[in-house]
Amino acid sequence: MKGKRHTTEEKIRMLREVDSGKPIRELCQEKNISEATYHRWQKQFGLMEVNEAKRIKELERENSELKKMLAESLLKNRVLEAVCKK
């Protein structure tokens, strides 16, 4: 059975708890995560703050939306070119 998925913001908050002096082992037991998971998150999110993570998530969402718009535009152009050739 898979465990709970934590949001990026939750992960960063957990990392900051350890930065403020809480032992890693204690945090991992409270949050029901392994120490390996904690260290993976630490490597991934390092010194990132919560507001930075939110901004990255917003930029990723905007990027995917722009990619979809570009794909639709390219498809329309191809269809129009095909129709014009006929």
PDB file of N, CA and C in Angstrom:
ATOM      1  N   MET A   1       0.841  -1.186   0.000  1.00  0.00           N
ATOM      2  CA  MET A   1       0.000   0.000   0.000  1.00  0.00           C
ATOM      3  C   MET A   1       0.884   1.246   0.000  1.00  0.00           C
ATOM      4  N   LYS A   2       0.561   2.168  -0.871  1.00  0.00           N
ATOM      5  CA  LYS A   2       1.354   3.384  -0.970  1.00  0.00           C
ATOM      6  C   LYS A   2       1.026   4.326   0.182  1.00  0.00           C
ATOM      7  N   GLY A   3       2.034   5.093   0.581  1.00  0.00           N
ATOM      8  CA  GLY A   3       1.838   6.067   1.643  1.00  0.00           C
ATOM      9  C   GLY A   3       1.213   7.343   1.108  1.00  0.00           C
ATOM     10  N   LYS A   4       1.014   8.288   2.011  1.00  0.00           N
ATOM     11  CA  LYS A   4       0.425   9.566   1.652  1.00  0.00           C
ATOM     12  C   LYS A   4       1.411  10.367   0.809  1.00  0.00           C
ATOM     13  N   ARG A   5       0.913  11.024  -0.187  1.00  0.00           N
ATOM     14  CA  ARG A   5       1.753  11.915  -0.981  1.00  0.00           C
ATOM     15  C   ARG A   5       1.725  13.293  -0.336  1.00  0.00           C
ATOM     16  N   HIS A   6       2.886  13.851  -0.155  1.00  0.00           N
ATOM     17  CA  HIS A   6       2.999  15.170   0.450  1.00  0.00           C
ATOM     18  C   HIS A   6       3.194  16.213  -0.644  1.00  0.00           C
ATOM     19  N   THR A   7       2.609  17.378  -0.429  1.00  0.00           N
ATOM     20  CA  THR A   7       2.799  18.458  -1.394  1.00  0.00           C
ATOM     21  C   THR A   7       4.213  19.010  -1.244  1.00  0.00           C
ATOM     22  N   THR A   8       4.655  19.735  -2.243  1.00  0.00           N
ATOM     23  CA  THR A   8       5.980  20.340  -2.199  1.00  0.00           C
ATOM     24  C   THR A   8       6.096  21.274  -1.003  1.00  0.00           C
ATOM     25  N   GLU A   9       5.034  22.014  -0.731  1.00  0.00           N
ATOM     26  CA  GLU A   9       5.047  22.942   0.399  1.00  0.00           C
ATOM     27  C   GLU A   9       5.217  22.198   1.720  1.00  0.00           C
ATOM     28  N   GLU A  10       4.517  21.063   1.873  1.00  0.00           N
ATOM     29  CA  GLU A  10       4.637  20.262   3.100  1.00  0.00           C
ATOM     30  C   GLU A  10       6.062  19.740   3.267  1.00  0.00           C
ATOM     31  N   LYS A  11       6.648  19.287   2.167  1.00  0.00           N
ATOM     32  CA  LYS A  11       8.013  18.767   2.218  1.00  0.00           C
ATOM     33  C   LYS A  11       8.981  19.849   2.683  1.00  0.00           C
ATOM     34  N   ILE A  12       8.835  21.039   2.136  1.00  0.00           N
ATOM     35  CA  ILE A  12       9.739  22.136   2.504  1.00  0.00           C
ATOM     36  C   ILE A  12       9.537  22.532   3.961  1.00  0.00           C
ATOM     37  N   ARG A  13       8.290  22.532   4.416  1.00  0.00           N
ATOM     38  CA  ARG A  13       8.037  22.847   5.829  1.00  0.00           C
ATOM     39  C   ARG A  13       8.716  21.835   6.741  1.00  0.00           C
ATOM     40  N   MET A  14       8.676  20.548   6.351  1.00  0.00           N
ATOM     41  CA  MET A  14       9.344  19.522   7.141  1.00  0.00           C
ATOM     42  C   MET A  14      10.859  19.749   7.167  1.00  0.00           C
ATOM     43  N   LEU A  15      11.424  20.112   6.032  1.00  0.00           N
ATOM     44  CA  LEU A  15      12.857  20.391   5.981  1.00  0.00           C
ATOM     45  C   LEU A  15      13.220  21.562   6.893  1.00  0.00           C
ATOM     46  N   ARG A  16      12.372  22.580   6.932  1.00  0.00           N
ATOM     47  CA  ARG A  16      12.641  23.747   7.774  1.00  0.00           C
ATOM     48  C   ARG A  16      12.538  23.391   9.261  1.00  0.00           C
ATOM     49  N   GLU A  17      11.674  22.413   9.610  1.00  0.00           N
ATOM     50  CA  GLU A  17      11.581  21.985  11.013  1.00  0.00           C
ATOM     51  C   GLU A  17      12.920  21.462  11.495  1.00  0.00           C
ATOM     52  N   VAL A  18      13.587  20.671  10.660  1.00  0.00           N
ATOM     53  CA  VAL A  18      14.897  20.139  11.026  1.00  0.00           C
ATOM     54  C   VAL A  18      15.913  21.266  11.090  1.00  0.00           C
ATOM     55  N   ASP A  19      15.814  22.228  10.174  1.00  0.00           N
ATOM     56  CA  ASP A  19      16.727  23.376  10.202  1.00  0.00           C
ATOM     57  C   ASP A  19      16.608  24.156  11.500  1.00  0.00           C
ATOM     58  N   SER A  20      15.420  24.152  12.083  1.00  0.00           N
ATOM     59  CA  SER A  20      15.208  24.910  13.325  1.00  0.00           C
ATOM     60  C   SER A  20      15.615  24.111  14.568  1.00  0.00           C
ATOM     61  N   GLY A  21      16.164  22.912  14.373  1.00  0.00           N
ATOM     62  CA  GLY A  21      16.715  22.187  15.513  1.00  0.00           C
ATOM     63  C   GLY A  21      16.064  20.858  15.845  1.00  0.00           C
ATOM     64  N   LYS A  22      15.028  20.485  15.171  1.00  0.00           N
ATOM     65  CA  LYS A  22      14.352  19.216  15.446  1.00  0.00           C
ATOM     66  C   LYS A  22      15.183  18.063  14.861  1.00  0.00           C
ATOM     67  N   PRO A  23      15.385  16.988  15.616  1.00  0.00           N
ATOM     68  CA  PRO A  23      16.156  15.848  15.099  1.00  0.00           C
ATOM     69  C   PRO A  23      15.450  15.178  13.912  1.00  0.00           C
ATOM     70  N   ILE A  24      16.233  14.758  12.933  1.00  0.00           N
ATOM     71  CA  ILE A  24      15.689  14.142  11.717  1.00  0.00           C
ATOM     72  C   ILE A  24      14.886  12.898  12.067  1.00  0.00           C
ATOM     73  N   ARG A  25      15.423  12.052  12.929  1.00  0.00           N
ATOM     74  CA  ARG A  25      14.756  10.801  13.282  1.00  0.00           C
ATOM     75  C   ARG A  25      13.375  11.075  13.894  1.00  0.00           C
ATOM     76  N   GLU A  26      13.300  12.084  14.769  1.00  0.00           N
ATOM     77  CA  GLU A  26      12.027  12.441  15.424  1.00  0.00           C
ATOM     78  C   GLU A  26      11.006  12.925  14.399  1.00  0.00           C
ATOM     79  N   LEU A  27      11.434  13.784  13.498  1.00  0.00           N
ATOM     80  CA  LEU A  27      10.543  14.297  12.454  1.00  0.00           C
ATOM     81  C   LEU A  27      10.029  13.151  11.585  1.00  0.00           C
ATOM     82  N   CYS A  28      10.928  12.256  11.194  1.00  0.00           N
ATOM     83  CA  CYS A  28      10.542  11.147  10.324  1.00  0.00           C
ATOM     84  C   CYS A  28       9.528  10.231  11.012  1.00  0.00           C
ATOM     85  N   GLN A  29       9.693  10.009  12.294  1.00  0.00           N
ATOM     86  CA  GLN A  29       8.734   9.178  13.025  1.00  0.00           C
ATOM     87  C   GLN A  29       7.382   9.872  13.124  1.00  0.00           C
ATOM     88  N   GLU A  30       7.382  11.169  13.405  1.00  0.00           N
ATOM     89  CA  GLU A  30       6.123  11.925  13.502  1.00  0.00           C
ATOM     90  C   GLU A  30       5.367  11.942  12.183  1.00  0.00           C
ATOM     91  N   LYS A  31       6.085  12.166  11.094  1.00  0.00           N
ATOM     92  CA  LYS A  31       5.466  12.318   9.785  1.00  0.00           C
ATOM     93  C   LYS A  31       5.326  11.000   9.046  1.00  0.00           C
ATOM     94  N   ASN A  32       5.814   9.930   9.656  1.00  0.00           N
ATOM     95  CA  ASN A  32       5.722   8.583   9.090  1.00  0.00           C
ATOM     96  C   ASN A  32       6.395   8.498   7.714  1.00  0.00           C
ATOM     97  N   ILE A  33       7.631   9.012   7.666  1.00  0.00           N
ATOM     98  CA  ILE A  33       8.439   8.911   6.446  1.00  0.00           C
ATOM     99  C   ILE A  33       9.784   8.298   6.828  1.00  0.00           C
ATOM    100  N   SER A  34      10.476   7.741   5.848  1.00  0.00           N
ATOM    101  CA  SER A  34      11.790   7.164   6.131  1.00  0.00           C
ATOM    102  C   SER A  34      12.841   8.276   6.102  1.00  0.00           C
ATOM    103  N   GLU A  35      13.975   7.983   6.720  1.00  0.00           N
ATOM    104  CA  GLU A  35      15.064   8.957   6.692  1.00  0.00           C
ATOM    105  C   GLU A  35      15.596   9.115   5.273  1.00  0.00           C
ATOM    106  N   ALA A  36      15.548   8.046   4.496  1.00  0.00           N
ATOM    107  CA  ALA A  36      15.989   8.123   3.099  1.00  0.00           C
ATOM    108  C   ALA A  36      15.100   9.097   2.318  1.00  0.00           C
ATOM    109  N   THR A  37      13.802   9.049   2.597  1.00  0.00           N
ATOM    110  CA  THR A  37      12.870   9.977   1.948  1.00  0.00           C
ATOM    111  C   THR A  37      13.210  11.410   2.340  1.00  0.00           C
ATOM    112  N   TYR A  38      13.469  11.625   3.627  1.00  0.00           N
ATOM    113  CA  TYR A  38      13.834  12.964   4.095  1.00  0.00           C
ATOM    114  C   TYR A  38      15.064  13.472   3.347  1.00  0.00           C
ATOM    115  N   HIS A  39      16.088  12.632   3.261  1.00  0.00           N
ATOM    116  CA  HIS A  39      17.333  13.060   2.611  1.00  0.00           C
ATOM    117  C   HIS A  39      17.147  13.280   1.106  1.00  0.00           C
ATOM    118  N   ARG A  40      16.271  12.506   0.485  1.00  0.00           N
ATOM    119  CA  ARG A  40      15.959  12.723  -0.930  1.00  0.00           C
ATOM    120  C   ARG A  40      15.289  14.081  -1.113  1.00  0.00           C
ATOM    121  N   TRP A  41      14.346  14.404  -0.227  1.00  0.00           N
ATOM    122  CA  TRP A  41      13.679  15.704  -0.289  1.00  0.00           C
ATOM    123  C   TRP A  41      14.678  16.827  -0.048  1.00  0.00           C
ATOM    124  N   GLN A  42      15.595  16.599   0.894  1.00  0.00           N
ATOM    125  CA  GLN A  42      16.588  17.617   1.209  1.00  0.00           C
ATOM    126  C   GLN A  42      17.464  17.887  -0.012  1.00  0.00           C
ATOM    127  N   LYS A  43      17.838  16.851  -0.705  1.00  0.00           N
ATOM    128  CA  LYS A  43      18.651  17.010  -1.914  1.00  0.00           C
ATOM    129  C   LYS A  43      17.848  17.720  -3.010  1.00  0.00           C
ATOM    130  N   GLN A  44      16.558  17.380  -3.110  1.00  0.00           N
ATOM    131  CA  GLN A  44      15.709  17.934  -4.161  1.00  0.00           C
ATOM    132  C   GLN A  44      15.326  19.391  -3.896  1.00  0.00           C
ATOM    133  N   PHE A  45      14.962  19.703  -2.655  1.00  0.00           N
ATOM    134  CA  PHE A  45      14.425  21.029  -2.344  1.00  0.00           C
ATOM    135  C   PHE A  45      15.388  21.919  -1.571  1.00  0.00           C
ATOM    136  N   GLY A  46      16.463  21.342  -1.046  1.00  0.00           N
ATOM    137  CA  GLY A  46      17.550  22.071  -0.399  1.00  0.00           C
ATOM    138  C   GLY A  46      17.155  23.313   0.354  1.00  0.00           C
ATOM    139  N   LEU A  47      17.591  24.441  -0.153  1.00  0.00           N
ATOM    140  CA  LEU A  47      17.372  25.717   0.525  1.00  0.00           C
ATOM    141  C   LEU A  47      16.144  26.461   0.017  1.00  0.00           C
ATOM    142  N   MET A  48      15.296  25.780  -0.731  1.00  0.00           N
ATOM    143  CA  MET A  48      14.109  26.412  -1.305  1.00  0.00           C
ATOM    144  C   MET A  48      13.100  26.767  -0.203  1.00  0.00           C
ATOM    145  N   GLU A  49      12.471  27.902  -0.360  1.00  0.00           N
ATOM    146  CA  GLU A  49      11.420  28.329   0.563  1.00  0.00           C
ATOM    147  C   GLU A  49      10.061  27.982  -0.034  1.00  0.00           C
ATOM    148  N   VAL A  50       9.028  27.998   0.792  1.00  0.00           N
ATOM    149  CA  VAL A  50       7.681  27.621   0.370  1.00  0.00           C
ATOM    150  C   VAL A  50       7.190  28.516  -0.767  1.00  0.00           C
ATOM    151  N   ASN A  51       7.409  29.834  -0.649  1.00  0.00           N
ATOM    152  CA  ASN A  51       6.924  30.738  -1.703  1.00  0.00           C
ATOM    153  C   ASN A  51       7.644  30.478  -3.028  1.00  0.00           C
ATOM    154  N   GLU A  52       8.910  30.059  -2.979  1.00  0.00           N
ATOM    155  CA  GLU A  52       9.632  29.718  -4.202  1.00  0.00           C
ATOM    156  C   GLU A  52       9.029  28.466  -4.840  1.00  0.00           C
ATOM    157  N   ALA A  53       8.666  27.498  -4.021  1.00  0.00           N
ATOM    158  CA  ALA A  53       8.061  26.266  -4.530  1.00  0.00           C
ATOM    159  C   ALA A  53       6.718  26.564  -5.185  1.00  0.00           C
ATOM    160  N   LYS A  54       5.934  27.438  -4.572  1.00  0.00           N
ATOM    161  CA  LYS A  54       4.646  27.817  -5.159  1.00  0.00           C
ATOM    162  C   LYS A  54       4.854  28.510  -6.500  1.00  0.00           C
ATOM    163  N   ARG A  55       5.863  29.367  -6.579  1.00  0.00           N
ATOM    164  CA  ARG A  55       6.150  30.084  -7.821  1.00  0.00           C
ATOM    165  C   ARG A  55       6.582  29.100  -8.909  1.00  0.00           C
ATOM    166  N   ILE A  56       7.407  28.127  -8.559  1.00  0.00           N
ATOM    167  CA  ILE A  56       7.842  27.121  -9.533  1.00  0.00           C
ATOM    168  C   ILE A  56       6.650  26.328 -10.037  1.00  0.00           C
ATOM    169  N   LYS A  57       5.766  25.935  -9.129  1.00  0.00           N
ATOM    170  CA  LYS A  57       4.581  25.182  -9.523  1.00  0.00           C
ATOM    171  C   LYS A  57       3.711  26.013 -10.475  1.00  0.00           C
ATOM    172  N   GLU A  58       3.569  27.295 -10.173  1.00  0.00           N
ATOM    173  CA  GLU A  58       2.789  28.198 -11.031  1.00  0.00           C
ATOM    174  C   GLU A  58       3.431  28.325 -12.416  1.00  0.00           C
ATOM    175  N   LEU A  59       4.752  28.450 -12.458  1.00  0.00           N
ATOM    176  CA  LEU A  59       5.451  28.553 -13.739  1.00  0.00           C
ATOM    177  C   LEU A  59       5.343  27.259 -14.548  1.00  0.00           C
ATOM    178  N   GLU A  60       5.401  26.124 -13.874  1.00  0.00           N
ATOM    179  CA  GLU A  60       5.253  24.850 -14.572  1.00  0.00           C
ATOM    180  C   GLU A  60       3.859  24.713 -15.173  1.00  0.00           C
ATOM    181  N   ARG A  61       2.855  25.138 -14.429  1.00  0.00           N
ATOM    182  CA  ARG A  61       1.481  25.093 -14.927  1.00  0.00           C
ATOM    183  C   ARG A  61       1.321  26.012 -16.142  1.00  0.00           C
ATOM    184  N   GLU A  62       1.878  27.207 -16.048  1.00  0.00           N
ATOM    185  CA  GLU A  62       1.813  28.154 -17.156  1.00  0.00           C
ATOM    186  C   GLU A  62       2.561  27.608 -18.375  1.00  0.00           C
ATOM    187  N   ASN A  63       3.712  26.995 -18.148  1.00  0.00           N
ATOM    188  CA  ASN A  63       4.495  26.424 -19.237  1.00  0.00           C
ATOM    189  C   ASN A  63       3.727  25.327 -19.957  1.00  0.00           C
ATOM    190  N   SER A  64       3.076  24.451 -19.207  1.00  0.00           N
ATOM    191  CA  SER A  64       2.316  23.367 -19.847  1.00  0.00           C
ATOM    192  C   SER A  64       1.137  23.928 -20.639  1.00  0.00           C
ATOM    193  N   GLU A  65       0.509  24.979 -20.126  1.00  0.00           N
ATOM    194  CA  GLU A  65      -0.604  25.607 -20.836  1.00  0.00           C
ATOM    195  C   GLU A  65      -0.117  26.238 -22.147  1.00  0.00           C
ATOM    196  N   LEU A  66       1.024  26.886 -22.096  1.00  0.00           N
ATOM    197  CA  LEU A  66       1.577  27.495 -23.304  1.00  0.00           C
ATOM    198  C   LEU A  66       1.972  26.434 -24.333  1.00  0.00           C
ATOM    199  N   LYS A  67       2.498  25.312 -23.871  1.00  0.00           N
ATOM    200  CA  LYS A  67       2.844  24.213 -24.781  1.00  0.00           C
ATOM    201  C   LYS A  67       1.601  23.674 -25.479  1.00  0.00           C
ATOM    202  N   LYS A  68       0.504  23.547 -24.737  1.00  0.00           N
ATOM    203  CA  LYS A  68      -0.746  23.088 -25.341  1.00  0.00           C
ATOM    204  C   LYS A  68      -1.242  24.076 -26.388  1.00  0.00           C
ATOM    205  N   MET A  69      -1.162  25.370 -26.062  1.00  0.00           N
ATOM    206  CA  MET A  69      -1.603  26.392 -27.010  1.00  0.00           C
ATOM    207  C   MET A  69      -0.752  26.345 -28.281  1.00  0.00           C
ATOM    208  N   LEU A  70       0.552  26.170 -28.139  1.00  0.00           N
ATOM    209  CA  LEU A  70       1.437  26.085 -29.299  1.00  0.00           C
ATOM    210  C   LEU A  70       1.114  24.856 -30.139  1.00  0.00           C
ATOM    211  N   ALA A  71       0.878  23.724 -29.489  1.00  0.00           N
ATOM    212  CA  ALA A  71       0.549  22.502 -30.216  1.00  0.00           C
ATOM    213  C   ALA A  71      -0.746  22.674 -31.007  1.00  0.00           C
ATOM    214  N   GLU A  72      -1.750  23.284 -30.392  1.00  0.00           N
ATOM    215  CA  GLU A  72      -3.015  23.524 -31.084  1.00  0.00           C
ATOM    216  C   GLU A  72      -2.814  24.452 -32.282  1.00  0.00           C
ATOM    217  N   SER A  73      -2.000  25.479 -32.105  1.00  0.00           N
ATOM    218  CA  SER A  73      -1.734  26.428 -33.181  1.00  0.00           C
ATOM    219  C   SER A  73      -1.007  25.743 -34.342  1.00  0.00           C
ATOM    220  N   LEU A  74      -0.025  24.919 -34.031  1.00  0.00           N
ATOM    221  CA  LEU A  74       0.703  24.202 -35.072  1.00  0.00           C
ATOM    222  C   LEU A  74      -0.216  23.245 -35.820  1.00  0.00           C
ATOM    223  N   LEU A  75      -1.104  22.595 -35.089  1.00  0.00           N
ATOM    224  CA  LEU A  75      -2.051  21.670 -35.717  1.00  0.00           C
ATOM    225  C   LEU A  75      -2.983  22.432 -36.663  1.00  0.00           C
ATOM    226  N   LYS A  76      -3.482  23.583 -36.236  1.00  0.00           N
ATOM    227  CA  LYS A  76      -4.351  24.397 -37.091  1.00  0.00           C
ATOM    228  C   LYS A  76      -3.622  24.793 -38.365  1.00  0.00           C
ATOM    229  N   ASN A  77      -2.347  25.202 -38.217  1.00  0.00           N
ATOM    230  CA  ASN A  77      -1.562  25.595 -39.385  1.00  0.00           C
ATOM    231  C   ASN A  77      -1.401  24.439 -40.360  1.00  0.00           C
ATOM    232  N   ARG A  78      -1.130  23.262 -39.860  1.00  0.00           N
ATOM    233  CA  ARG A  78      -0.977  22.086 -40.724  1.00  0.00           C
ATOM    234  C   ARG A  78      -2.260  21.774 -41.453  1.00  0.00           C
ATOM    235  N   VAL A  79      -3.372  21.862 -40.746  1.00  0.00           N
ATOM    236  CA  VAL A  79      -4.675  21.587 -41.370  1.00  0.00           C
ATOM    237  C   VAL A  79      -4.949  22.621 -42.464  1.00  0.00           C
ATOM    238  N   LEU A  80      -4.710  23.890 -42.163  1.00  0.00           N
ATOM    239  CA  LEU A  80      -4.939  24.934 -43.155  1.00  0.00           C
ATOM    240  C   LEU A  80      -4.031  24.759 -44.375  1.00  0.00           C
ATOM    241  N   GLU A  81      -2.784  24.395 -44.156  1.00  0.00           N
ATOM    242  CA  GLU A  81      -1.870  24.156 -45.280  1.00  0.00           C
ATOM    243  C   GLU A  81      -2.352  22.990 -46.141  1.00  0.00           C
ATOM    244  N   ALA A  82      -2.826  21.930 -45.496  1.00  0.00           N
ATOM    245  CA  ALA A  82      -3.322  20.769 -46.221  1.00  0.00           C
ATOM    246  C   ALA A  82      -4.550  21.146 -47.048  1.00  0.00           C
ATOM    247  N   VAL A  83      -5.434  21.972 -46.492  1.00  0.00           N
ATOM    248  CA  VAL A  83      -6.639  22.383 -47.201  1.00  0.00           C
ATOM    249  C   VAL A  83      -6.275  23.291 -48.374  1.00  0.00           C
ATOM    250  N   CYS A  84      -5.315  24.174 -48.172  1.00  0.00           N
ATOM    251  CA  CYS A  84      -4.912  25.101 -49.229  1.00  0.00           C
ATOM    252  C   CYS A  84      -4.242  24.376 -50.391  1.00  0.00           C
ATOM    253  N   LYS A  85      -3.551  23.286 -50.135  1.00  0.00           N
ATOM    254  CA  LYS A  85      -2.888  22.518 -51.189  1.00  0.00           C
ATOM    255  C   LYS A  85      -3.889  21.835 -52.099  1.00  0.00           C
ATOM    256  N   LYS A  86      -5.042  21.500 -51.575  1.00  0.00           N
ATOM    257  CA  LYS A  86      -6.076  20.795 -52.341  1.00  0.00           C
ATOM    258  C   LYS A  86      -6.839  21.710 -53.195  1.00  0.00           C
TER     259      LYS A  86
END
